[in-house]
């Protein structure tokens, strides 16, 4: 176990077993491959379902007036999507208006 984690763990507390790799999502290039999933969830205003398919397009903005006010180029999620694709992974975006959004990255587990 890395030194960093040993310092924060109580001595009498046994180490938790590593969680099993989740099943890859439908958009994953090879569903037979196990994947590591990392999810980021917010409790913001959420995103309307009709906008979800376009969120990773370059320069796409849902609310251009808000984007002008707060700044941003509309490139963030496009860059994330392309980086994940280069690593043979997948990005899944779930959102419910009024509840927030969850962005989950799936990356294949290395063999060996």
PDB file of N, CA and C in Angstrom:
ATOM      1  N   UNK A   1       0.854  -1.179   0.000  1.00  0.00           N
ATOM      2  CA  UNK A   1       0.000   0.000   0.000  1.00  0.00           C
ATOM      3  C   UNK A   1       0.893   1.234   0.000  1.00  0.00           C
ATOM      4  N   UNK A   2       0.587   2.227  -0.848  1.00  0.00           N
ATOM      5  CA  UNK A   2       1.401   3.437  -0.899  1.00  0.00           C
ATOM      6  C   UNK A   2       1.454   4.140   0.460  1.00  0.00           C
ATOM      7  N   UNK A   3       2.580   4.763   0.730  1.00  0.00           N
ATOM      8  CA  UNK A   3       2.798   5.453   1.996  1.00  0.00           C
ATOM      9  C   UNK A   3       1.699   6.462   2.295  1.00  0.00           C
ATOM     10  N   UNK A   4       1.261   7.207   1.306  1.00  0.00           N
ATOM     11  CA  UNK A   4       0.225   8.215   1.497  1.00  0.00           C
ATOM     12  C   UNK A   4      -1.021   7.612   2.128  1.00  0.00           C
ATOM     13  N   UNK A   5      -1.454   6.451   1.631  1.00  0.00           N
ATOM     14  CA  UNK A   5      -2.664   5.829   2.155  1.00  0.00           C
ATOM     15  C   UNK A   5      -2.432   5.215   3.526  1.00  0.00           C
ATOM     16  N   UNK A   6      -1.238   4.706   3.786  1.00  0.00           N
ATOM     17  CA  UNK A   6      -0.945   4.122   5.097  1.00  0.00           C
ATOM     18  C   UNK A   6      -1.006   5.168   6.190  1.00  0.00           C
ATOM     19  N   UNK A   7      -0.645   6.381   5.909  1.00  0.00           N
ATOM     20  CA  UNK A   7      -0.652   7.431   6.934  1.00  0.00           C
ATOM     21  C   UNK A   7      -2.063   7.811   7.370  1.00  0.00           C
ATOM     22  N   UNK A   8      -3.033   7.683   6.480  1.00  0.00           N
ATOM     23  CA  UNK A   8      -4.388   8.090   6.795  1.00  0.00           C
ATOM     24  C   UNK A   8      -5.255   6.950   7.332  1.00  0.00           C
ATOM     25  N   UNK A   9      -4.797   5.743   7.255  1.00  0.00           N
ATOM     26  CA  UNK A   9      -5.569   4.596   7.709  1.00  0.00           C
ATOM     27  C   UNK A   9      -5.236   4.313   9.164  1.00  0.00           C
ATOM     28  N   UNK A  10      -6.253   4.008   9.962  1.00  0.00           N
ATOM     29  CA  UNK A  10      -6.015   3.647  11.356  1.00  0.00           C
ATOM     30  C   UNK A  10      -5.328   2.286  11.385  1.00  0.00           C
ATOM     31  N   UNK A  11      -4.430   2.094  12.331  1.00  0.00           N
ATOM     32  CA  UNK A  11      -3.665   0.855  12.390  1.00  0.00           C
ATOM     33  C   UNK A  11      -4.537  -0.370  12.646  1.00  0.00           C
ATOM     34  N   UNK A  12      -5.569  -0.250  13.470  1.00  0.00           N
ATOM     35  CA  UNK A  12      -6.410  -1.398  13.797  1.00  0.00           C
ATOM     36  C   UNK A  12      -7.469  -1.685  12.735  1.00  0.00           C
ATOM     37  N   UNK A  13      -7.616  -0.791  11.793  1.00  0.00           N
ATOM     38  CA  UNK A  13      -8.629  -0.931  10.748  1.00  0.00           C
ATOM     39  C   UNK A  13      -8.069  -1.715   9.567  1.00  0.00           C
ATOM     40  N   UNK A  14      -8.688  -2.858   9.201  1.00  0.00           N
ATOM     41  CA  UNK A  14      -8.168  -3.607   8.051  1.00  0.00           C
ATOM     42  C   UNK A  14      -8.410  -2.845   6.751  1.00  0.00           C
ATOM     43  N   UNK A  15      -7.542  -3.064   5.798  1.00  0.00           N
ATOM     44  CA  UNK A  15      -7.693  -2.403   4.498  1.00  0.00           C
ATOM     45  C   UNK A  15      -8.910  -2.968   3.777  1.00  0.00           C
ATOM     46  N   UNK A  16      -9.666  -2.092   3.144  1.00  0.00           N
ATOM     47  CA  UNK A  16     -10.844  -2.523   2.384  1.00  0.00           C
ATOM     48  C   UNK A  16     -10.390  -3.162   1.087  1.00  0.00           C
ATOM     49  N   UNK A  17     -11.076  -4.218   0.662  1.00  0.00           N
ATOM     50  CA  UNK A  17     -10.703  -4.823  -0.622  1.00  0.00           C
ATOM     51  C   UNK A  17     -11.005  -3.872  -1.768  1.00  0.00           C
ATOM     52  N   UNK A  18     -10.245  -3.984  -2.824  1.00  0.00           N
ATOM     53  CA  UNK A  18     -10.466  -3.134  -3.995  1.00  0.00           C
ATOM     54  C   UNK A  18     -11.820  -3.479  -4.609  1.00  0.00           C
ATOM     55  N   UNK A  19     -12.597  -2.468  -4.989  1.00  0.00           N
ATOM     56  CA  UNK A  19     -13.890  -2.759  -5.613  1.00  0.00           C
ATOM     57  C   UNK A  19     -13.701  -3.414  -6.974  1.00  0.00           C
ATOM     58  N   UNK A  20     -14.669  -4.233  -7.343  1.00  0.00           N
ATOM     59  CA  UNK A  20     -14.618  -4.883  -8.656  1.00  0.00           C
ATOM     60  C   UNK A  20     -14.804  -3.847  -9.746  1.00  0.00           C
ATOM     61  N   UNK A  21     -14.172  -4.067 -10.863  1.00  0.00           N
ATOM     62  CA  UNK A  21     -14.320  -3.150 -11.994  1.00  0.00           C
ATOM     63  C   UNK A  21     -15.755  -3.224 -12.506  1.00  0.00           C
ATOM     64  N   UNK A  22     -16.378  -2.070 -12.762  1.00  0.00           N
ATOM     65  CA  UNK A  22     -17.765  -2.087 -13.232  1.00  0.00           C
ATOM     66  C   UNK A  22     -17.872  -2.563 -14.670  1.00  0.00           C
ATOM     67  N   UNK A  23     -19.069  -2.957 -15.034  1.00  0.00           N
ATOM     68  CA  UNK A  23     -19.324  -3.323 -16.427  1.00  0.00           C
ATOM     69  C   UNK A  23     -19.190  -2.072 -17.284  1.00  0.00           C
ATOM     70  N   UNK A  24     -18.652  -2.217 -18.444  1.00  0.00           N
ATOM     71  CA  UNK A  24     -18.507  -1.094 -19.361  1.00  0.00           C
ATOM     72  C   UNK A  24     -19.884  -0.674 -19.882  1.00  0.00           C
ATOM     73  N   UNK A  25     -20.079   0.625 -20.153  1.00  0.00           N
ATOM     74  CA  UNK A  25     -21.370   1.101 -20.649  1.00  0.00           C
ATOM     75  C   UNK A  25     -21.614   0.694 -22.100  1.00  0.00           C
ATOM     76  N   UNK A  26     -22.817   0.908 -22.566  1.00  0.00           N
ATOM     77  CA  UNK A  26     -23.200   0.531 -23.932  1.00  0.00           C
ATOM     78  C   UNK A  26     -22.299   1.177 -24.981  1.00  0.00           C
ATOM     79  N   UNK A  27     -21.836   2.404 -24.751  1.00  0.00           N
ATOM     80  CA  UNK A  27     -20.992   3.099 -25.724  1.00  0.00           C
ATOM     81  C   UNK A  27     -19.536   2.682 -25.700  1.00  0.00           C
ATOM     82  N   UNK A  28     -19.184   1.761 -24.815  1.00  0.00           N
ATOM     83  CA  UNK A  28     -17.793   1.338 -24.673  1.00  0.00           C
ATOM     84  C   UNK A  28     -17.379   0.528 -25.893  1.00  0.00           C
ATOM     85  N   UNK A  29     -16.167   0.752 -26.422  1.00  0.00           N
ATOM     86  CA  UNK A  29     -15.757   0.044 -27.636  1.00  0.00           C
ATOM     87  C   UNK A  29     -15.833  -1.483 -27.523  1.00  0.00           C
ATOM     88  N   UNK A  30     -15.483  -2.054 -26.383  1.00  0.00           N
ATOM     89  CA  UNK A  30     -15.509  -3.510 -26.219  1.00  0.00           C
ATOM     90  C   UNK A  30     -16.142  -3.825 -24.872  1.00  0.00           C
ATOM     91  N   UNK A  31     -17.416  -4.239 -24.872  1.00  0.00           N
ATOM     92  CA  UNK A  31     -18.149  -4.479 -23.627  1.00  0.00           C
ATOM     93  C   UNK A  31     -17.576  -5.637 -22.817  1.00  0.00           C
ATOM     94  N   UNK A  32     -16.751  -6.495 -23.411  1.00  0.00           N
ATOM     95  CA  UNK A  32     -16.168  -7.622 -22.685  1.00  0.00           C
ATOM     96  C   UNK A  32     -15.006  -7.167 -21.799  1.00  0.00           C
ATOM     97  N   UNK A  33     -14.493  -5.970 -22.020  1.00  0.00           N
ATOM     98  CA  UNK A  33     -13.352  -5.449 -21.266  1.00  0.00           C
ATOM     99  C   UNK A  33     -13.862  -4.809 -19.981  1.00  0.00           C
ATOM    100  N   UNK A  34     -13.192  -5.101 -18.867  1.00  0.00           N
ATOM    101  CA  UNK A  34     -13.526  -4.458 -17.595  1.00  0.00           C
ATOM    102  C   UNK A  34     -13.021  -3.019 -17.630  1.00  0.00           C
ATOM    103  N   UNK A  35     -13.709  -2.157 -16.889  1.00  0.00           N
ATOM    104  CA  UNK A  35     -13.370  -0.740 -16.924  1.00  0.00           C
ATOM    105  C   UNK A  35     -13.281  -0.160 -15.525  1.00  0.00           C
ATOM    106  N   UNK A  36     -12.516   0.912 -15.409  1.00  0.00           N
ATOM    107  CA  UNK A  36     -12.472   1.719 -14.196  1.00  0.00           C
ATOM    108  C   UNK A  36     -13.425   2.877 -14.439  1.00  0.00           C
ATOM    109  N   UNK A  37     -14.279   3.165 -13.475  1.00  0.00           N
ATOM    110  CA  UNK A  37     -15.240   4.254 -13.629  1.00  0.00           C
ATOM    111  C   UNK A  37     -14.932   5.359 -12.626  1.00  0.00           C
ATOM    112  N   UNK A  38     -14.958   6.598 -13.108  1.00  0.00           N
ATOM    113  CA  UNK A  38     -14.799   7.773 -12.254  1.00  0.00           C
ATOM    114  C   UNK A  38     -15.987   8.675 -12.541  1.00  0.00           C
ATOM    115  N   UNK A  39     -16.764   8.983 -11.498  1.00  0.00           N
ATOM    116  CA  UNK A  39     -17.960   9.803 -11.685  1.00  0.00           C
ATOM    117  C   UNK A  39     -17.830  11.110 -10.917  1.00  0.00           C
ATOM    118  N   UNK A  40     -18.271  12.177 -11.548  1.00  0.00           N
ATOM    119  CA  UNK A  40     -18.340  13.487 -10.915  1.00  0.00           C
ATOM    120  C   UNK A  40     -19.805  13.898 -10.934  1.00  0.00           C
ATOM    121  N   UNK A  41     -20.345  14.188  -9.758  1.00  0.00           N
ATOM    122  CA  UNK A  41     -21.767  14.525  -9.651  1.00  0.00           C
ATOM    123  C   UNK A  41     -21.905  15.912  -9.048  1.00  0.00           C
ATOM    124  N   UNK A  42     -22.831  16.682  -9.611  1.00  0.00           N
ATOM    125  CA  UNK A  42     -23.111  17.998  -9.031  1.00  0.00           C
ATOM    126  C   UNK A  42     -24.584  18.075  -8.655  1.00  0.00           C
ATOM    127  N   UNK A  43     -24.906  19.088  -7.916  1.00  0.00           N
ATOM    128  CA  UNK A  43     -26.296  19.305  -7.516  1.00  0.00           C
ATOM    129  C   UNK A  43     -26.773  20.642  -8.067  1.00  0.00           C
ATOM    130  N   UNK A  44     -26.379  20.912  -9.305  1.00  0.00           N
ATOM    131  CA  UNK A  44     -26.744  22.158  -9.970  1.00  0.00           C
ATOM    132  C   UNK A  44     -28.144  22.090 -10.540  1.00  0.00           C
ATOM    133  N   UNK A  45     -28.391  22.925 -11.509  1.00  0.00           N
ATOM    134  CA  UNK A  45     -29.735  23.014 -12.092  1.00  0.00           C
ATOM    135  C   UNK A  45     -30.053  21.900 -13.072  1.00  0.00           C
ATOM    136  N   UNK A  46     -29.055  21.123 -13.475  1.00  0.00           N
ATOM    137  CA  UNK A  46     -29.289  20.032 -14.415  1.00  0.00           C
ATOM    138  C   UNK A  46     -29.306  20.520 -15.851  1.00  0.00           C
ATOM    139  N   UNK A  47     -29.324  19.577 -16.770  1.00  0.00           N
ATOM    140  CA  UNK A  47     -29.282  19.876 -18.199  1.00  0.00           C
ATOM    141  C   UNK A  47     -30.467  19.200 -18.857  1.00  0.00           C
ATOM    142  N   UNK A  48     -31.182  19.930 -19.690  1.00  0.00           N
ATOM    143  CA  UNK A  48     -32.338  19.367 -20.387  1.00  0.00           C
ATOM    144  C   UNK A  48     -31.901  18.203 -21.269  1.00  0.00           C
ATOM    145  N   UNK A  49     -32.706  17.165 -21.308  1.00  0.00           N
ATOM    146  CA  UNK A  49     -32.384  15.938 -22.046  1.00  0.00           C
ATOM    147  C   UNK A  49     -32.063  16.210 -23.520  1.00  0.00           C
ATOM    148  N   UNK A  50     -32.740  17.171 -24.135  1.00  0.00           N
ATOM    149  CA  UNK A  50     -32.499  17.421 -25.566  1.00  0.00           C
ATOM    150  C   UNK A  50     -31.099  17.986 -25.844  1.00  0.00           C
ATOM    151  N   UNK A  51     -30.430  18.535 -24.814  1.00  0.00           N
ATOM    152  CA  UNK A  51     -29.083  19.085 -24.995  1.00  0.00           C
ATOM    153  C   UNK A  51     -27.977  18.052 -24.769  1.00  0.00           C
ATOM    154  N   UNK A  52     -28.276  16.956 -24.112  1.00  0.00           N
ATOM    155  CA  UNK A  52     -27.247  15.978 -23.754  1.00  0.00           C
ATOM    156  C   UNK A  52     -26.455  15.443 -24.947  1.00  0.00           C
ATOM    157  N   UNK A  53     -27.083  15.090 -26.071  1.00  0.00           N
ATOM    158  CA  UNK A  53     -26.298  14.551 -27.191  1.00  0.00           C
ATOM    159  C   UNK A  53     -25.272  15.531 -27.761  1.00  0.00           C
ATOM    160  N   UNK A  54     -25.501  16.827 -27.587  1.00  0.00           N
ATOM    161  CA  UNK A  54     -24.605  17.830 -28.187  1.00  0.00           C
ATOM    162  C   UNK A  54     -23.581  18.399 -27.203  1.00  0.00           C
ATOM    163  N   UNK A  55     -23.618  18.009 -25.951  1.00  0.00           N
ATOM    164  CA  UNK A  55     -22.748  18.618 -24.934  1.00  0.00           C
ATOM    165  C   UNK A  55     -21.263  18.508 -25.241  1.00  0.00           C
ATOM    166  N   UNK A  56     -20.844  17.454 -25.926  1.00  0.00           N
ATOM    167  CA  UNK A  56     -19.418  17.270 -26.193  1.00  0.00           C
ATOM    168  C   UNK A  56     -18.990  17.809 -27.560  1.00  0.00           C
ATOM    169  N   UNK A  57     -19.885  18.495 -28.250  1.00  0.00           N
ATOM    170  CA  UNK A  57     -19.510  19.141 -29.516  1.00  0.00           C
ATOM    171  C   UNK A  57     -18.684  20.387 -29.229  1.00  0.00           C
ATOM    172  N   UNK A  58     -17.697  20.630 -30.077  1.00  0.00           N
ATOM    173  CA  UNK A  58     -16.895  21.845 -29.916  1.00  0.00           C
ATOM    174  C   UNK A  58     -17.752  23.085 -30.056  1.00  0.00           C
ATOM    175  N   UNK A  59     -17.545  24.023 -29.160  1.00  0.00           N
ATOM    176  CA  UNK A  59     -18.187  25.343 -29.146  1.00  0.00           C
ATOM    177  C   UNK A  59     -19.683  25.309 -28.843  1.00  0.00           C
ATOM    178  N   UNK A  60     -20.228  24.152 -28.456  1.00  0.00           N
ATOM    179  CA  UNK A  60     -21.651  24.080 -28.131  1.00  0.00           C
ATOM    180  C   UNK A  60     -21.894  24.721 -26.767  1.00  0.00           C
ATOM    181  N   UNK A  61     -22.893  25.576 -26.710  1.00  0.00           N
ATOM    182  CA  UNK A  61     -23.301  26.225 -25.460  1.00  0.00           C
ATOM    183  C   UNK A  61     -24.808  26.178 -25.373  1.00  0.00           C
ATOM    184  N   UNK A  62     -25.311  25.805 -24.226  1.00  0.00           N
ATOM    185  CA  UNK A  62     -26.760  25.743 -24.028  1.00  0.00           C
ATOM    186  C   UNK A  62     -27.323  27.155 -23.913  1.00  0.00           C
ATOM    187  N   UNK A  63     -26.657  27.978 -23.112  1.00  0.00           N
ATOM    188  CA  UNK A  63     -27.125  29.340 -22.853  1.00  0.00           C
ATOM    189  C   UNK A  63     -26.000  30.307 -23.215  1.00  0.00           C
ATOM    190  N   UNK A  64     -26.058  30.878 -24.415  1.00  0.00           N
ATOM    191  CA  UNK A  64     -24.972  31.743 -24.882  1.00  0.00           C
ATOM    192  C   UNK A  64     -24.835  33.015 -24.040  1.00  0.00           C
ATOM    193  N   UNK A  65     -25.956  33.551 -23.550  1.00  0.00           N
ATOM    194  CA  UNK A  65     -25.886  34.767 -22.721  1.00  0.00           C
ATOM    195  C   UNK A  65     -25.117  34.476 -21.428  1.00  0.00           C
ATOM    196  N   UNK A  66     -25.398  33.341 -20.812  1.00  0.00           N
ATOM    197  CA  UNK A  66     -24.709  32.962 -19.574  1.00  0.00           C
ATOM    198  C   UNK A  66     -23.234  32.704 -19.856  1.00  0.00           C
ATOM    199  N   UNK A  67     -22.932  32.084 -20.983  1.00  0.00           N
ATOM    200  CA  UNK A  67     -21.546  31.792 -21.351  1.00  0.00           C
ATOM    201  C   UNK A  67     -20.749  33.072 -21.527  1.00  0.00           C
ATOM    202  N   UNK A  68     -21.364  34.076 -22.173  1.00  0.00           N
ATOM    203  CA  UNK A  68     -20.683  35.360 -22.359  1.00  0.00           C
ATOM    204  C   UNK A  68     -20.383  36.009 -21.014  1.00  0.00           C
ATOM    205  N   UNK A  69     -21.345  35.923 -20.100  1.00  0.00           N
ATOM    206  CA  UNK A  69     -21.206  36.553 -18.782  1.00  0.00           C
ATOM    207  C   UNK A  69     -20.128  35.871 -17.937  1.00  0.00           C
ATOM    208  N   UNK A  70     -20.112  34.533 -17.934  1.00  0.00           N
ATOM    209  CA  UNK A  70     -19.188  33.787 -17.087  1.00  0.00           C
ATOM    210  C   UNK A  70     -17.884  33.418 -17.775  1.00  0.00           C
ATOM    211  N   UNK A  71     -17.827  33.561 -19.076  1.00  0.00           N
ATOM    212  CA  UNK A  71     -16.631  33.190 -19.827  1.00  0.00           C
ATOM    213  C   UNK A  71     -16.707  31.734 -20.267  1.00  0.00           C
ATOM    214  N   UNK A  72     -15.691  31.290 -20.941  1.00  0.00           N
ATOM    215  CA  UNK A  72     -15.649  29.913 -21.437  1.00  0.00           C
ATOM    216  C   UNK A  72     -15.710  29.897 -22.949  1.00  0.00           C
ATOM    217  N   UNK A  73     -15.196  28.817 -23.519  1.00  0.00           N
ATOM    218  CA  UNK A  73     -15.110  28.713 -24.972  1.00  0.00           C
ATOM    219  C   UNK A  73     -16.034  27.659 -25.554  1.00  0.00           C
ATOM    220  N   UNK A  74     -16.575  26.795 -24.705  1.00  0.00           N
ATOM    221  CA  UNK A  74     -17.377  25.689 -25.203  1.00  0.00           C
ATOM    222  C   UNK A  74     -16.516  24.528 -25.663  1.00  0.00           C
ATOM    223  N   UNK A  75     -15.262  24.478 -25.205  1.00  0.00           N
ATOM    224  CA  UNK A  75     -14.354  23.416 -25.615  1.00  0.00           C
ATOM    225  C   UNK A  75     -14.092  22.369 -24.534  1.00  0.00           C
ATOM    226  N   UNK A  76     -14.437  22.659 -23.294  1.00  0.00           N
ATOM    227  CA  UNK A  76     -14.087  21.790 -22.170  1.00  0.00           C
ATOM    228  C   UNK A  76     -14.495  20.342 -22.335  1.00  0.00           C
ATOM    229  N   UNK A  77     -15.777  20.062 -22.521  1.00  0.00           N
ATOM    230  CA  UNK A  77     -16.240  18.680 -22.650  1.00  0.00           C
ATOM    231  C   UNK A  77     -15.797  18.039 -23.958  1.00  0.00           C
ATOM    232  N   UNK A  78     -15.592  18.838 -24.997  1.00  0.00           N
ATOM    233  CA  UNK A  78     -15.076  18.289 -26.260  1.00  0.00           C
ATOM    234  C   UNK A  78     -13.659  17.759 -26.055  1.00  0.00           C
ATOM    235  N   UNK A  79     -12.845  18.496 -25.325  1.00  0.00           N
ATOM    236  CA  UNK A  79     -11.479  18.058 -25.029  1.00  0.00           C
ATOM    237  C   UNK A  79     -11.504  16.804 -24.158  1.00  0.00           C
ATOM    238  N   UNK A  80     -12.370  16.791 -23.152  1.00  0.00           N
ATOM    239  CA  UNK A  80     -12.503  15.611 -22.285  1.00  0.00           C
ATOM    240  C   UNK A  80     -12.883  14.387 -23.118  1.00  0.00           C
ATOM    241  N   UNK A  81     -13.894  14.536 -23.970  1.00  0.00           N
ATOM    242  CA  UNK A  81     -14.353  13.413 -24.796  1.00  0.00           C
ATOM    243  C   UNK A  81     -13.233  12.877 -25.682  1.00  0.00           C
ATOM    244  N   UNK A  82     -12.474  13.761 -26.332  1.00  0.00           N
ATOM    245  CA  UNK A  82     -11.399  13.320 -27.221  1.00  0.00           C
ATOM    246  C   UNK A  82     -10.267  12.648 -26.443  1.00  0.00           C
ATOM    247  N   UNK A  83      -9.960  13.142 -25.256  1.00  0.00           N
ATOM    248  CA  UNK A  83      -8.929  12.511 -24.422  1.00  0.00           C
ATOM    249  C   UNK A  83      -9.355  11.104 -24.011  1.00  0.00           C
ATOM    250  N   UNK A  84     -10.605  10.967 -23.608  1.00  0.00           N
ATOM    251  CA  UNK A  84     -11.127   9.654 -23.200  1.00  0.00           C
ATOM    252  C   UNK A  84     -11.122   8.701 -24.393  1.00  0.00           C
ATOM    253  N   UNK A  85     -11.547   9.177 -25.555  1.00  0.00           N
ATOM    254  CA  UNK A  85     -11.559   8.336 -26.756  1.00  0.00           C
ATOM    255  C   UNK A  85     -10.150   7.852 -27.117  1.00  0.00           C
ATOM    256  N   UNK A  86      -9.141   8.708 -26.936  1.00  0.00           N
ATOM    257  CA  UNK A  86      -7.753   8.325 -27.226  1.00  0.00           C
ATOM    258  C   UNK A  86      -7.295   7.173 -26.338  1.00  0.00           C
ATOM    259  N   UNK A  87      -7.895   7.075 -25.150  1.00  0.00           N
ATOM    260  CA  UNK A  87      -7.559   6.008 -24.206  1.00  0.00           C
ATOM    261  C   UNK A  87      -8.542   4.840 -24.296  1.00  0.00           C
ATOM    262  N   UNK A  88      -9.319   4.808 -25.368  1.00  0.00           N
ATOM    263  CA  UNK A  88     -10.304   3.759 -25.628  1.00  0.00           C
ATOM    264  C   UNK A  88     -11.350   3.660 -24.520  1.00  0.00           C
ATOM    265  N   UNK A  89     -11.761   4.806 -24.002  1.00  0.00           N
ATOM    266  CA  UNK A  89     -12.761   4.861 -22.951  1.00  0.00           C
ATOM    267  C   UNK A  89     -14.083   5.406 -23.446  1.00  0.00           C
ATOM    268  N   UNK A  90     -14.943   5.734 -22.497  1.00  0.00           N
ATOM    269  CA  UNK A  90     -16.264   6.272 -22.831  1.00  0.00           C
ATOM    270  C   UNK A  90     -16.657   7.308 -21.784  1.00  0.00           C
ATOM    271  N   UNK A  91     -17.452   8.269 -22.207  1.00  0.00           N
ATOM    272  CA  UNK A  91     -18.006   9.298 -21.327  1.00  0.00           C
ATOM    273  C   UNK A  91     -19.513   9.154 -21.343  1.00  0.00           C
ATOM    274  N   UNK A  92     -20.111   9.044 -20.159  1.00  0.00           N
ATOM    275  CA  UNK A  92     -21.562   8.946 -20.037  1.00  0.00           C
ATOM    276  C   UNK A  92     -22.031  10.140 -19.220  1.00  0.00           C
ATOM    277  N   UNK A  93     -23.011  10.874 -19.753  1.00  0.00           N
ATOM    278  CA  UNK A  93     -23.544  12.049 -19.065  1.00  0.00           C
ATOM    279  C   UNK A  93     -25.011  11.792 -18.758  1.00  0.00           C
ATOM    280  N   UNK A  94     -25.365  11.869 -17.470  1.00  0.00           N
ATOM    281  CA  UNK A  94     -26.746  11.741 -17.021  1.00  0.00           C
ATOM    282  C   UNK A  94     -27.112  13.037 -16.321  1.00  0.00           C
ATOM    283  N   UNK A  95     -28.320  13.513 -16.563  1.00  0.00           N
ATOM    284  CA  UNK A  95     -28.736  14.748 -15.928  1.00  0.00           C
ATOM    285  C   UNK A  95     -30.245  14.769 -15.749  1.00  0.00           C
ATOM    286  N   UNK A  96     -30.669  15.340 -14.633  1.00  0.00           N
ATOM    287  CA  UNK A  96     -32.090  15.548 -14.350  1.00  0.00           C
ATOM    288  C   UNK A  96     -32.247  17.014 -13.987  1.00  0.00           C
ATOM    289  N   UNK A  97     -33.092  17.710 -14.722  1.00  0.00           N
ATOM    290  CA  UNK A  97     -33.290  19.131 -14.441  1.00  0.00           C
ATOM    291  C   UNK A  97     -33.817  19.313 -13.028  1.00  0.00           C
ATOM    292  N   UNK A  98     -33.217  20.259 -12.322  1.00  0.00           N
ATOM    293  CA  UNK A  98     -33.594  20.542 -10.948  1.00  0.00           C
ATOM    294  C   UNK A  98     -32.873  19.672  -9.923  1.00  0.00           C
ATOM    295  N   UNK A  99     -32.133  18.656 -10.372  1.00  0.00           N
ATOM    296  CA  UNK A  99     -31.427  17.761  -9.446  1.00  0.00           C
ATOM    297  C   UNK A  99     -29.921  17.756  -9.649  1.00  0.00           C
ATOM    298  N   UNK A 100     -29.458  17.955 -10.878  1.00  0.00           N
ATOM    299  CA  UNK A 100     -28.025  17.961 -11.131  1.00  0.00           C
ATOM    300  C   UNK A 100     -27.619  16.995 -12.218  1.00  0.00           C
ATOM    301  N   UNK A 101     -26.304  16.855 -12.392  1.00  0.00           N
ATOM    302  CA  UNK A 101     -25.746  16.044 -13.462  1.00  0.00           C
ATOM    303  C   UNK A 101     -24.670  15.115 -12.923  1.00  0.00           C
ATOM    304  N   UNK A 102     -24.477  14.002 -13.621  1.00  0.00           N
ATOM    305  CA  UNK A 102     -23.395  13.063 -13.303  1.00  0.00           C
ATOM    306  C   UNK A 102     -22.620  12.796 -14.584  1.00  0.00           C
ATOM    307  N   UNK A 103     -21.327  13.015 -14.529  1.00  0.00           N
ATOM    308  CA  UNK A 103     -20.422  12.766 -15.643  1.00  0.00           C
ATOM    309  C   UNK A 103     -19.549  11.584 -15.244  1.00  0.00           C
ATOM    310  N   UNK A 104     -19.660  10.473 -15.974  1.00  0.00           N
ATOM    311  CA  UNK A 104     -18.903   9.267 -15.645  1.00  0.00           C
ATOM    312  C   UNK A 104     -17.952   8.930 -16.778  1.00  0.00           C
ATOM    313  N   UNK A 105     -16.688   8.752 -16.413  1.00  0.00           N
ATOM    314  CA  UNK A 105     -15.648   8.364 -17.361  1.00  0.00           C
ATOM    315  C   UNK A 105     -15.345   6.893 -17.123  1.00  0.00           C
ATOM    316  N   UNK A 106     -15.363   6.098 -18.191  1.00  0.00           N
ATOM    317  CA  UNK A 106     -14.995   4.695 -18.143  1.00  0.00           C
ATOM    318  C   UNK A 106     -13.700   4.522 -18.933  1.00  0.00           C
ATOM    319  N   UNK A 107     -12.693   3.942 -18.290  1.00  0.00           N
ATOM    320  CA  UNK A 107     -11.430   3.664 -18.963  1.00  0.00           C
ATOM    321  C   UNK A 107     -11.130   2.178 -18.819  1.00  0.00           C
ATOM    322  N   UNK A 108     -10.617   1.544 -19.872  1.00  0.00           N
ATOM    323  CA  UNK A 108     -10.344   0.107 -19.781  1.00  0.00           C
ATOM    324  C   UNK A 108      -9.232  -0.188 -18.766  1.00  0.00           C
ATOM    325  N   UNK A 109      -9.401  -1.304 -18.055  1.00  0.00           N
ATOM    326  CA  UNK A 109      -8.400  -1.746 -17.093  1.00  0.00           C
ATOM    327  C   UNK A 109      -7.260  -2.380 -17.886  1.00  0.00           C
ATOM    328  N   UNK A 110      -6.027  -2.017 -17.532  1.00  0.00           N
ATOM    329  CA  UNK A 110      -4.856  -2.551 -18.224  1.00  0.00           C
ATOM    330  C   UNK A 110      -4.710  -4.040 -17.953  1.00  0.00           C
ATOM    331  N   UNK A 111      -4.378  -4.785 -18.969  1.00  0.00           N
ATOM    332  CA  UNK A 111      -4.133  -6.227 -18.823  1.00  0.00           C
ATOM    333  C   UNK A 111      -2.766  -6.428 -18.191  1.00  0.00           C
ATOM    334  N   UNK A 112      -2.677  -7.477 -17.393  1.00  0.00           N
ATOM    335  CA  UNK A 112      -1.361  -7.840 -16.873  1.00  0.00           C
ATOM    336  C   UNK A 112      -1.186  -7.555 -15.503  1.00  0.00           C
TER     337      UNK A 112
END
